[in-house]
Amino acid sequence: MAEVIERMTCPAGHRVLSGGLAALAGLAVALGVAPPALANLRAPVVIPVSPSAALAAPSVPLIVESEALSFVCGSDSCQVSARYEVTAAGPAIVRLEFILPTEGSVTATTNADRETVQVMPATPLRPEELRSLEAAERGAPGLFRADFPSALRAGRNTVTVRYSQPLGAEEVGHGYAKKKGRMVQRFRYELWPLREWTRSPGFRVKLAVAIERPAPGWWERTLGNPRSVTCLTSDTTAPVPAGRLEQRDGQLWYEAELGPSIPDRITCFIGDENLMPRN
C-alpha cells in the first residue's frame, strides 16, 4: 500500500521504485548486469489526462459568491457541472472562459438563458496559465479554451457550465509481462483561477463526485475492496479535505467543501478502496 501511495502522489511524469525492487535495481547497476527477473518487469499502464479549470476572472469587476462543482463519472469520463453565484454592480455583458481537456460539447447558461460557446485550442497559453498550470503528463492530450458571453443583470446571477472530463488512469500492483495490476482512475481540476476573482468573505467550493457502484454486500464490505473515490488538494499542509462518502442507489457520492483558502488544484482518484491515497 505504501508503494501505491508513494507512486500516486509523485509529481506528474515521475515514478519511484520502492523497497526491495529499488535495492535490486541498485545492485544490478553496481554489478553492471540486469537480473532476468528485473529485466522482464514492464512499466505500468498509464492513460495520461489533462485538467479542466475554474472560470477565469473577467475584465469587469464581479464578486463570486460560491462554486458548486460536480463530477458524475462513468467508465471513462465524467460529466462536469460548475455553477457559480456571481454578483454584478449593474447590467453587463462580460466574456467568460475556462480551460478544458476536450473539444467536445460545452454548454453555458446565465440565469437559465443559454449562451453561445466557442471552443478552440488553448495555445499559446497565457502567462498566468504558464505560471500556474502543472507540467503536462507525458502523452497527455492538448488543452482547449471555452469562451462565451454572459449577460448579467444587476445583483445576483447564476452562471453554469457543463462539459465532459475524460478520466486518466494508472496501473498499480503490476509485475511481469503477464501479471496485470489494478487500474486507479483520476482527474484533475485547477482552482487557482478563482484567486483572480473578488471572492465574497463566505466563498466556498462545494465539491461532489459520483461514481457508478452498486451498494456492496456484507461480504464485500468486510473482506473485499469495493470501489471508492477520494480527492486530494495541492495544499501540502491540508491535503485531505474533510469529505464524506454516501451510497445513493447505484452510485457512491463523495462530497467536500473547500474554502475560504483555495488550493491550486484538486486531484480525485477512483478505484478499489485499498488503493485510494490517504495523503
C-alpha atoms as a PDB file:
ATOM      1  CA  MET A   1       0.000   0.000   0.000  1.00  0.00           C
ATOM      2  CA  ALA A   2       2.882   2.372   0.809  1.00  0.00           C
ATOM      3  CA  GLU A   3       4.239   1.768  -2.687  1.00  0.00           C
ATOM      4  CA  VAL A   4       0.857   2.637  -4.200  1.00  0.00           C
ATOM      5  CA  ILE A   5       0.519   5.914  -2.311  1.00  0.00           C
ATOM      6  CA  GLU A   6       4.125   6.893  -2.977  1.00  0.00           C
ATOM      7  CA  ARG A   7       3.770   6.422  -6.702  1.00  0.00           C
ATOM      8  CA  MET A   8       0.387   8.123  -7.000  1.00  0.00           C
ATOM      9  CA  THR A   9       1.382  11.254  -5.104  1.00  0.00           C
ATOM     10  CA  CYS A  10       4.606  11.932  -7.003  1.00  0.00           C
ATOM     11  CA  PRO A  11       4.672  14.930  -9.376  1.00  0.00           C
ATOM     12  CA  ALA A  12       3.240  14.174 -12.806  1.00  0.00           C
ATOM     13  CA  GLY A  13       5.623  12.312 -15.067  1.00  0.00           C
ATOM     14  CA  HIS A  14       7.780  10.897 -12.246  1.00  0.00           C
ATOM     15  CA  ARG A  15       7.970   7.344 -10.959  1.00  0.00           C
ATOM     16  CA  VAL A  16       9.692   5.776  -7.972  1.00  0.00           C
ATOM     17  CA  LEU A  17      10.943   2.274  -7.274  1.00  0.00           C
ATOM     18  CA  SER A  18      10.473   1.351  -3.644  1.00  0.00           C
ATOM     19  CA  GLY A  19      11.546  -1.327  -1.218  1.00  0.00           C
ATOM     20  CA  GLY A  20      13.240  -4.460  -2.496  1.00  0.00           C
ATOM     21  CA  LEU A  21      12.774  -3.526  -6.142  1.00  0.00           C
ATOM     22  CA  ALA A  22      14.816  -0.343  -5.675  1.00  0.00           C
ATOM     23  CA  ALA A  23      17.538  -2.297  -3.867  1.00  0.00           C
ATOM     24  CA  LEU A  24      17.612  -4.894  -6.644  1.00  0.00           C
ATOM     25  CA  ALA A  25      17.863  -2.190  -9.281  1.00  0.00           C
ATOM     26  CA  GLY A  26      20.756  -0.574  -7.401  1.00  0.00           C
ATOM     27  CA  LEU A  27      22.599  -3.877  -7.142  1.00  0.00           C
ATOM     28  CA  ALA A  28      22.113  -4.527 -10.853  1.00  0.00           C
ATOM     29  CA  VAL A  29      23.620  -1.151 -11.716  1.00  0.00           C
ATOM     30  CA  ALA A  30      26.567  -1.720  -9.372  1.00  0.00           C
ATOM     31  CA  LEU A  31      27.330  -5.094 -10.955  1.00  0.00           C
ATOM     32  CA  GLY A  32      26.687  -3.911 -14.478  1.00  0.00           C
ATOM     33  CA  VAL A  33      24.083  -6.586 -15.105  1.00  0.00           C
ATOM     34  CA  ALA A  34      20.312  -6.734 -15.267  1.00  0.00           C
ATOM     35  CA  PRO A  35      18.804  -9.670 -13.355  1.00  0.00           C
ATOM     36  CA  PRO A  36      16.477 -11.602 -15.689  1.00  0.00           C
ATOM     37  CA  ALA A  37      13.517 -11.129 -13.355  1.00  0.00           C
ATOM     38  CA  LEU A  38      14.053  -7.358 -13.234  1.00  0.00           C
ATOM     39  CA  ALA A  39      14.591  -7.192 -16.983  1.00  0.00           C
ATOM     40  CA  ASN A  40      11.201  -8.828 -17.519  1.00  0.00           C
ATOM     41  CA  LEU A  41       9.347  -6.276 -15.416  1.00  0.00           C
ATOM     42  CA  ARG A  42       7.213  -3.998 -17.531  1.00  0.00           C
ATOM     43  CA  ALA A  43       6.204  -0.400 -16.977  1.00  0.00           C
ATOM     44  CA  PRO A  44       2.713   0.214 -15.577  1.00  0.00           C
ATOM     45  CA  VAL A  45      -0.080   1.009 -17.997  1.00  0.00           C
ATOM     46  CA  VAL A  46      -0.731   4.755 -17.862  1.00  0.00           C
ATOM     47  CA  ILE A  47      -3.563   6.682 -19.507  1.00  0.00           C
ATOM     48  CA  PRO A  48      -2.490  10.350 -19.355  1.00  0.00           C
ATOM     49  CA  VAL A  49      -5.027  13.050 -18.638  1.00  0.00           C
ATOM     50  CA  SER A  50      -5.247  16.826 -18.991  1.00  0.00           C
ATOM     51  CA  PRO A  51      -7.077  19.035 -16.466  1.00  0.00           C
ATOM     52  CA  SER A  52     -10.028  21.358 -16.636  1.00  0.00           C
ATOM     53  CA  ALA A  53     -10.176  24.627 -14.716  1.00  0.00           C
ATOM     54  CA  ALA A  54     -12.430  27.112 -12.991  1.00  0.00           C
ATOM     55  CA  LEU A  55     -13.673  30.207 -14.831  1.00  0.00           C
ATOM     56  CA  ALA A  56     -11.029  32.864 -15.318  1.00  0.00           C
ATOM     57  CA  ALA A  57     -11.882  36.274 -13.863  1.00  0.00           C
ATOM     58  CA  PRO A  58     -13.328  38.694 -16.455  1.00  0.00           C
ATOM     59  CA  SER A  59     -12.119  42.245 -17.020  1.00  0.00           C
ATOM     60  CA  VAL A  60     -15.342  43.620 -15.477  1.00  0.00           C
ATOM     61  CA  PRO A  61     -15.227  43.664 -11.643  1.00  0.00           C
ATOM     62  CA  LEU A  62     -17.545  40.985 -10.264  1.00  0.00           C
ATOM     63  CA  ILE A  63     -17.913  39.207  -6.930  1.00  0.00           C
ATOM     64  CA  VAL A  64     -18.057  35.425  -6.962  1.00  0.00           C
ATOM     65  CA  GLU A  65     -20.093  34.112  -4.026  1.00  0.00           C
ATOM     66  CA  SER A  66     -19.665  30.338  -4.462  1.00  0.00           C
ATOM     67  CA  GLU A  67     -18.934  27.490  -6.869  1.00  0.00           C
ATOM     68  CA  ALA A  68     -20.908  24.232  -6.839  1.00  0.00           C
ATOM     69  CA  LEU A  69     -18.739  21.717  -8.686  1.00  0.00           C
ATOM     70  CA  SER A  70     -19.935  18.204  -9.533  1.00  0.00           C
ATOM     71  CA  PHE A  71     -18.425  15.288 -11.469  1.00  0.00           C
ATOM     72  CA  VAL A  72     -20.745  12.390 -12.340  1.00  0.00           C
ATOM     73  CA  CYS A  73     -18.395   9.683 -13.563  1.00  0.00           C
ATOM     74  CA  GLY A  74     -18.925   6.689 -15.804  1.00  0.00           C
ATOM     75  CA  SER A  75     -16.421   4.124 -17.015  1.00  0.00           C
ATOM     76  CA  ASP A  76     -14.071   6.504 -18.842  1.00  0.00           C
ATOM     77  CA  SER A  77     -15.279  10.090 -18.350  1.00  0.00           C
ATOM     78  CA  CYS A  78     -17.181  12.407 -16.010  1.00  0.00           C
ATOM     79  CA  GLN A  79     -19.969  14.841 -16.793  1.00  0.00           C
ATOM     80  CA  VAL A  80     -18.969  18.118 -15.151  1.00  0.00           C
ATOM     81  CA  SER A  81     -21.258  20.867 -13.896  1.00  0.00           C
ATOM     82  CA  ALA A  82     -19.717  24.046 -12.462  1.00  0.00           C
ATOM     83  CA  ARG A  83     -22.295  26.518 -11.127  1.00  0.00           C
ATOM     84  CA  TYR A  84     -21.171  29.960  -9.977  1.00  0.00           C
ATOM     85  CA  GLU A  85     -23.131  32.511  -7.997  1.00  0.00           C
ATOM     86  CA  VAL A  86     -21.903  35.919  -9.165  1.00  0.00           C
ATOM     87  CA  THR A  87     -22.863  39.441  -8.064  1.00  0.00           C
ATOM     88  CA  ALA A  88     -22.663  42.337 -10.550  1.00  0.00           C
ATOM     89  CA  ALA A  89     -22.911  46.040  -9.668  1.00  0.00           C
ATOM     90  CA  GLY A  90     -25.063  46.672 -12.744  1.00  0.00           C
ATOM     91  CA  PRO A  91     -26.207  45.061 -16.008  1.00  0.00           C
ATOM     92  CA  ALA A  92     -23.258  43.972 -18.130  1.00  0.00           C
ATOM     93  CA  ILE A  93     -22.253  41.568 -20.867  1.00  0.00           C
ATOM     94  CA  VAL A  94     -18.925  40.001 -19.932  1.00  0.00           C
ATOM     95  CA  ARG A  95     -16.803  37.392 -21.673  1.00  0.00           C
ATOM     96  CA  LEU A  96     -16.031  34.336 -19.590  1.00  0.00           C
ATOM     97  CA  GLU A  97     -13.651  31.496 -20.384  1.00  0.00           C
ATOM     98  CA  PHE A  98     -12.083  28.389 -18.930  1.00  0.00           C
ATOM     99  CA  ILE A  99      -9.611  25.641 -19.792  1.00  0.00           C
ATOM    100  CA  LEU A 100     -10.802  22.108 -20.524  1.00  0.00           C
ATOM    101  CA  PRO A 101      -9.266  18.895 -21.924  1.00  0.00           C
ATOM    102  CA  THR A 102     -11.650  18.152 -24.781  1.00  0.00           C
ATOM    103  CA  GLU A 103     -13.131  19.877 -27.810  1.00  0.00           C
ATOM    104  CA  GLY A 104     -16.473  18.176 -27.226  1.00  0.00           C
ATOM    105  CA  SER A 105     -19.824  19.742 -26.441  1.00  0.00           C
ATOM    106  CA  VAL A 106     -19.829  22.580 -23.890  1.00  0.00           C
ATOM    107  CA  THR A 107     -22.955  24.343 -22.661  1.00  0.00           C
ATOM    108  CA  ALA A 108     -23.118  27.591 -20.714  1.00  0.00           C
ATOM    109  CA  THR A 109     -26.118  29.361 -19.199  1.00  0.00           C
ATOM    110  CA  THR A 110     -26.610  32.673 -17.432  1.00  0.00           C
ATOM    111  CA  ASN A 111     -29.705  32.740 -15.229  1.00  0.00           C
ATOM    112  CA  ALA A 112     -31.030  29.754 -17.244  1.00  0.00           C
ATOM    113  CA  ASP A 113     -30.524  31.555 -20.597  1.00  0.00           C
ATOM    114  CA  ARG A 114     -28.276  29.559 -22.912  1.00  0.00           C
ATOM    115  CA  GLU A 115     -25.154  31.289 -24.217  1.00  0.00           C
ATOM    116  CA  THR A 116     -23.164  30.669 -27.414  1.00  0.00           C
ATOM    117  CA  VAL A 117     -19.891  28.880 -26.613  1.00  0.00           C
ATOM    118  CA  GLN A 118     -16.775  28.777 -28.770  1.00  0.00           C
ATOM    119  CA  VAL A 119     -14.160  26.068 -28.117  1.00  0.00           C
ATOM    120  CA  MET A 120     -10.669  26.420 -29.568  1.00  0.00           C
ATOM    121  CA  PRO A 121      -7.141  25.159 -28.844  1.00  0.00           C
ATOM    122  CA  ALA A 122      -5.688  26.881 -25.778  1.00  0.00           C
ATOM    123  CA  THR A 123      -2.333  27.540 -27.422  1.00  0.00           C
ATOM    124  CA  PRO A 124      -0.474  29.675 -26.832  1.00  0.00           C
ATOM    125  CA  LEU A 125      -1.110  29.541 -23.099  1.00  0.00           C
ATOM    126  CA  ARG A 126      -1.363  32.883 -21.339  1.00  0.00           C
ATOM    127  CA  PRO A 127       1.329  33.985 -18.854  1.00  0.00           C
ATOM    128  CA  GLU A 128      -0.811  33.205 -15.802  1.00  0.00           C
ATOM    129  CA  GLU A 129      -1.583  29.755 -17.235  1.00  0.00           C
ATOM    130  CA  LEU A 130       2.086  29.051 -17.899  1.00  0.00           C
ATOM    131  CA  ARG A 131       2.879  30.061 -14.311  1.00  0.00           C
ATOM    132  CA  SER A 132       0.125  28.101 -12.621  1.00  0.00           C
ATOM    133  CA  LEU A 133      -0.693  25.002 -14.672  1.00  0.00           C
ATOM    134  CA  GLU A 134       1.211  21.880 -13.644  1.00  0.00           C
ATOM    135  CA  ALA A 135       3.547  20.393 -16.223  1.00  0.00           C
ATOM    136  CA  ALA A 136       1.566  18.252 -18.642  1.00  0.00           C
ATOM    137  CA  GLU A 137       1.778  14.495 -18.240  1.00  0.00           C
ATOM    138  CA  ARG A 138       3.765  12.785 -20.965  1.00  0.00           C
ATOM    139  CA  GLY A 139       1.430  11.981 -23.837  1.00  0.00           C
ATOM    140  CA  ALA A 140      -1.452  13.990 -22.368  1.00  0.00           C
ATOM    141  CA  PRO A 141      -3.979  15.405 -24.857  1.00  0.00           C
ATOM    142  CA  GLY A 142      -3.879  19.104 -25.649  1.00  0.00           C
ATOM    143  CA  LEU A 143      -5.843  21.760 -23.795  1.00  0.00           C
ATOM    144  CA  PHE A 144      -8.771  23.747 -25.155  1.00  0.00           C
ATOM    145  CA  ARG A 145     -10.327  27.082 -24.233  1.00  0.00           C
ATOM    146  CA  ALA A 146     -14.098  27.587 -23.995  1.00  0.00           C
ATOM    147  CA  ASP A 147     -15.246  31.197 -24.386  1.00  0.00           C
ATOM    148  CA  PHE A 148     -18.741  32.684 -24.133  1.00  0.00           C
ATOM    149  CA  PRO A 149     -20.561  35.998 -23.462  1.00  0.00           C
ATOM    150  CA  SER A 150     -22.561  36.169 -20.244  1.00  0.00           C
ATOM    151  CA  ALA A 151     -25.444  38.644 -19.987  1.00  0.00           C
ATOM    152  CA  LEU A 152     -25.526  39.625 -16.317  1.00  0.00           C
ATOM    153  CA  ARG A 153     -28.179  41.649 -14.538  1.00  0.00           C
ATOM    154  CA  ALA A 154     -27.607  43.900 -11.538  1.00  0.00           C
ATOM    155  CA  GLY A 155     -27.311  41.860  -8.361  1.00  0.00           C
ATOM    156  CA  ARG A 156     -27.103  38.074  -8.032  1.00  0.00           C
ATOM    157  CA  ASN A 157     -26.595  35.862 -11.105  1.00  0.00           C
ATOM    158  CA  THR A 158     -26.123  32.147 -11.698  1.00  0.00           C
ATOM    159  CA  VAL A 159     -23.610  31.093 -14.356  1.00  0.00           C
ATOM    160  CA  THR A 160     -23.344  27.369 -15.148  1.00  0.00           C
ATOM    161  CA  VAL A 161     -21.026  25.489 -17.500  1.00  0.00           C
ATOM    162  CA  ARG A 162     -21.270  21.792 -18.404  1.00  0.00           C
ATOM    163  CA  TYR A 163     -18.810  19.615 -20.307  1.00  0.00           C
ATOM    164  CA  SER A 164     -17.121  16.195 -20.310  1.00  0.00           C
ATOM    165  CA  GLN A 165     -13.892  15.401 -18.429  1.00  0.00           C
ATOM    166  CA  PRO A 166     -12.040  12.271 -19.638  1.00  0.00           C
ATOM    167  CA  LEU A 167     -10.530  10.066 -16.937  1.00  0.00           C
ATOM    168  CA  GLY A 168      -6.850   9.234 -16.816  1.00  0.00           C
ATOM    169  CA  ALA A 169      -5.613   6.064 -15.132  1.00  0.00           C
ATOM    170  CA  GLU A 170      -2.540   4.285 -13.818  1.00  0.00           C
ATOM    171  CA  GLU A 171      -1.958   0.599 -13.211  1.00  0.00           C
ATOM    172  CA  VAL A 172      -0.781  -0.419  -9.742  1.00  0.00           C
ATOM    173  CA  GLY A 173       0.372  -3.789  -8.463  1.00  0.00           C
ATOM    174  CA  HIS A 174       1.624  -4.815 -11.908  1.00  0.00           C
ATOM    175  CA  GLY A 175       4.526  -7.226 -12.304  1.00  0.00           C
ATOM    176  CA  TYR A 176       5.943  -9.347 -15.056  1.00  0.00           C
ATOM    177  CA  ALA A 177       4.717  -9.267 -18.632  1.00  0.00           C
ATOM    178  CA  LYS A 178       1.569 -11.328 -17.982  1.00  0.00           C
ATOM    179  CA  LYS A 179       0.736 -10.088 -14.495  1.00  0.00           C
ATOM    180  CA  LYS A 180      -1.998  -7.485 -14.674  1.00  0.00           C
ATOM    181  CA  GLY A 181      -2.380  -4.894 -11.960  1.00  0.00           C
ATOM    182  CA  ARG A 182      -5.428  -2.884 -10.984  1.00  0.00           C
ATOM    183  CA  MET A 183      -6.275   0.463 -12.522  1.00  0.00           C
ATOM    184  CA  VAL A 184      -6.766   3.617 -10.486  1.00  0.00           C
ATOM    185  CA  GLN A 185      -8.549   6.328 -12.470  1.00  0.00           C
ATOM    186  CA  ARG A 186      -8.086  10.032 -11.825  1.00  0.00           C
ATOM    187  CA  PHE A 187      -8.908  13.553 -12.965  1.00  0.00           C
ATOM    188  CA  ARG A 188      -7.549  16.964 -12.050  1.00  0.00           C
ATOM    189  CA  TYR A 189      -9.323  20.314 -11.667  1.00  0.00           C
ATOM    190  CA  GLU A 190      -7.483  23.640 -11.463  1.00  0.00           C
ATOM    191  CA  LEU A 191      -8.843  26.001  -8.813  1.00  0.00           C
ATOM    192  CA  TRP A 192      -6.201  28.739  -8.917  1.00  0.00           C
ATOM    193  CA  PRO A 193      -8.196  30.910 -11.431  1.00  0.00           C
ATOM    194  CA  LEU A 194     -10.649  31.607  -8.587  1.00  0.00           C
ATOM    195  CA  ARG A 195      -7.938  33.594  -6.812  1.00  0.00           C
ATOM    196  CA  GLU A 196      -8.085  36.129  -9.660  1.00  0.00           C
ATOM    197  CA  TRP A 197     -11.706  36.926  -8.742  1.00  0.00           C
ATOM    198  CA  THR A 198     -13.005  39.147  -5.963  1.00  0.00           C
ATOM    199  CA  ARG A 199     -14.424  36.486  -3.642  1.00  0.00           C
ATOM    200  CA  SER A 200     -17.059  37.142  -1.005  1.00  0.00           C
ATOM    201  CA  PRO A 201     -15.983  36.531   2.632  1.00  0.00           C
ATOM    202  CA  GLY A 202     -18.126  33.404   2.751  1.00  0.00           C
ATOM    203  CA  PHE A 203     -16.858  31.972  -0.542  1.00  0.00           C
ATOM    204  CA  ARG A 204     -16.744  28.163  -0.694  1.00  0.00           C
ATOM    205  CA  VAL A 205     -16.348  25.485  -3.364  1.00  0.00           C
ATOM    206  CA  LYS A 206     -18.858  22.689  -2.811  1.00  0.00           C
ATOM    207  CA  LEU A 207     -17.389  19.591  -4.443  1.00  0.00           C
ATOM    208  CA  ALA A 208     -19.351  16.442  -5.320  1.00  0.00           C
ATOM    209  CA  VAL A 209     -18.060  13.375  -7.187  1.00  0.00           C
ATOM    210  CA  ALA A 210     -20.293  10.410  -8.078  1.00  0.00           C
ATOM    211  CA  ILE A 211     -19.123   7.026  -9.372  1.00  0.00           C
ATOM    212  CA  GLU A 212     -21.102   4.024 -10.564  1.00  0.00           C
ATOM    213  CA  ARG A 213     -21.168   1.438  -7.760  1.00  0.00           C
ATOM    214  CA  PRO A 214     -23.942  -0.899  -6.638  1.00  0.00           C
ATOM    215  CA  ALA A 215     -24.279  -0.973  -2.860  1.00  0.00           C
ATOM    216  CA  PRO A 216     -21.746  -3.604  -1.664  1.00  0.00           C
ATOM    217  CA  GLY A 217     -22.992  -6.548   0.368  1.00  0.00           C
ATOM    218  CA  TRP A 218     -21.715  -7.585   3.788  1.00  0.00           C
ATOM    219  CA  TRP A 219     -19.085  -9.913   2.343  1.00  0.00           C
ATOM    220  CA  GLU A 220     -17.573  -7.264   0.070  1.00  0.00           C
ATOM    221  CA  ARG A 221     -17.662  -4.591   2.778  1.00  0.00           C
ATOM    222  CA  THR A 222     -15.990  -6.880   5.308  1.00  0.00           C
ATOM    223  CA  LEU A 223     -13.464  -8.878   3.293  1.00  0.00           C
ATOM    224  CA  GLY A 224     -13.357  -7.241  -0.117  1.00  0.00           C
ATOM    225  CA  ASN A 225     -12.283  -3.942  -1.618  1.00  0.00           C
ATOM    226  CA  PRO A 226     -15.342  -2.212  -3.095  1.00  0.00           C
ATOM    227  CA  ARG A 227     -14.797   0.669  -5.500  1.00  0.00           C
ATOM    228  CA  SER A 228     -14.333   4.020  -3.857  1.00  0.00           C
ATOM    229  CA  VAL A 229     -13.436   7.625  -4.604  1.00  0.00           C
ATOM    230  CA  THR A 230     -11.402  10.261  -2.811  1.00  0.00           C
ATOM    231  CA  CYS A 231      -9.870  13.656  -3.596  1.00  0.00           C
ATOM    232  CA  LEU A 232      -6.635  15.328  -2.529  1.00  0.00           C
ATOM    233  CA  THR A 233      -5.724  19.004  -2.733  1.00  0.00           C
ATOM    234  CA  SER A 234      -2.382  20.520  -3.686  1.00  0.00           C
ATOM    235  CA  ASP A 235      -2.173  22.181  -0.252  1.00  0.00           C
ATOM    236  CA  THR A 236       0.606  20.229   1.481  1.00  0.00           C
ATOM    237  CA  THR A 237      -0.491  21.495   4.912  1.00  0.00           C
ATOM    238  CA  ALA A 238      -4.024  20.117   4.452  1.00  0.00           C
ATOM    239  CA  PRO A 239      -4.011  17.683   1.505  1.00  0.00           C
ATOM    240  CA  VAL A 240      -7.121  15.760   2.539  1.00  0.00           C
ATOM    241  CA  PRO A 241     -10.376  17.774   2.593  1.00  0.00           C
ATOM    242  CA  ALA A 242     -12.965  16.820   5.189  1.00  0.00           C
ATOM    243  CA  GLY A 243     -15.072  14.786   2.778  1.00  0.00           C
ATOM    244  CA  ARG A 244     -17.766  12.191   3.293  1.00  0.00           C
ATOM    245  CA  LEU A 245     -18.972   9.177   1.314  1.00  0.00           C
ATOM    246  CA  GLU A 246     -22.617   8.224   0.836  1.00  0.00           C
ATOM    247  CA  GLN A 247     -24.231   5.421  -1.171  1.00  0.00           C
ATOM    248  CA  ARG A 248     -27.253   6.653  -3.155  1.00  0.00           C
ATOM    249  CA  ASP A 249     -28.972   3.936  -5.160  1.00  0.00           C
ATOM    250  CA  GLY A 250     -26.406   2.718  -7.712  1.00  0.00           C
ATOM    251  CA  GLN A 251     -23.884   5.499  -7.104  1.00  0.00           C
ATOM    252  CA  LEU A 252     -21.283   6.298  -4.456  1.00  0.00           C
ATOM    253  CA  TRP A 253     -21.028  10.031  -3.758  1.00  0.00           C
ATOM    254  CA  TYR A 254     -18.031  11.873  -2.326  1.00  0.00           C
ATOM    255  CA  GLU A 255     -18.729  15.385  -1.044  1.00  0.00           C
ATOM    256  CA  ALA A 256     -16.411  18.011   0.424  1.00  0.00           C
ATOM    257  CA  GLU A 257     -16.254  21.774   0.923  1.00  0.00           C
ATOM    258  CA  LEU A 258     -13.198  23.907   0.170  1.00  0.00           C
ATOM    259  CA  GLY A 259     -12.563  27.413   1.434  1.00  0.00           C
ATOM    260  CA  PRO A 260     -12.087  30.150   2.319  1.00  0.00           C
ATOM    261  CA  SER A 261      -8.461  29.359   1.366  1.00  0.00           C
ATOM    262  CA  ILE A 262      -8.316  27.938  -2.170  1.00  0.00           C
ATOM    263  CA  PRO A 263      -5.678  25.347  -3.161  1.00  0.00           C
ATOM    264  CA  ASP A 264      -4.150  25.426  -6.619  1.00  0.00           C
ATOM    265  CA  ARG A 265      -5.927  22.224  -7.654  1.00  0.00           C
ATOM    266  CA  ILE A 266      -7.666  19.040  -6.628  1.00  0.00           C
ATOM    267  CA  THR A 267      -6.970  15.540  -7.919  1.00  0.00           C
ATOM    268  CA  CYS A 268      -9.621  12.858  -7.484  1.00  0.00           C
ATOM    269  CA  PHE A 269      -8.996   9.099  -7.600  1.00  0.00           C
ATOM    270  CA  ILE A 270     -11.408   6.253  -8.419  1.00  0.00           C
ATOM    271  CA  GLY A 271     -10.583   2.599  -7.791  1.00  0.00           C
ATOM    272  CA  ASP A 272     -10.545  -0.221  -5.269  1.00  0.00           C
ATOM    273  CA  GLU A 273     -10.837   1.036  -1.711  1.00  0.00           C
ATOM    274  CA  ASN A 274      -7.431  -0.222  -0.582  1.00  0.00           C
ATOM    275  CA  LEU A 275      -5.732   1.637  -3.444  1.00  0.00           C
ATOM    276  CA  MET A 276      -7.058   5.070  -2.508  1.00  0.00           C
ATOM    277  CA  PRO A 277      -4.305   7.519  -1.467  1.00  0.00           C
ATOM    278  CA  ARG A 278      -4.640   8.845   2.079  1.00  0.00           C
ATOM    279  CA  ASN A 279      -2.347  11.884   1.928  1.00  0.00           C
END
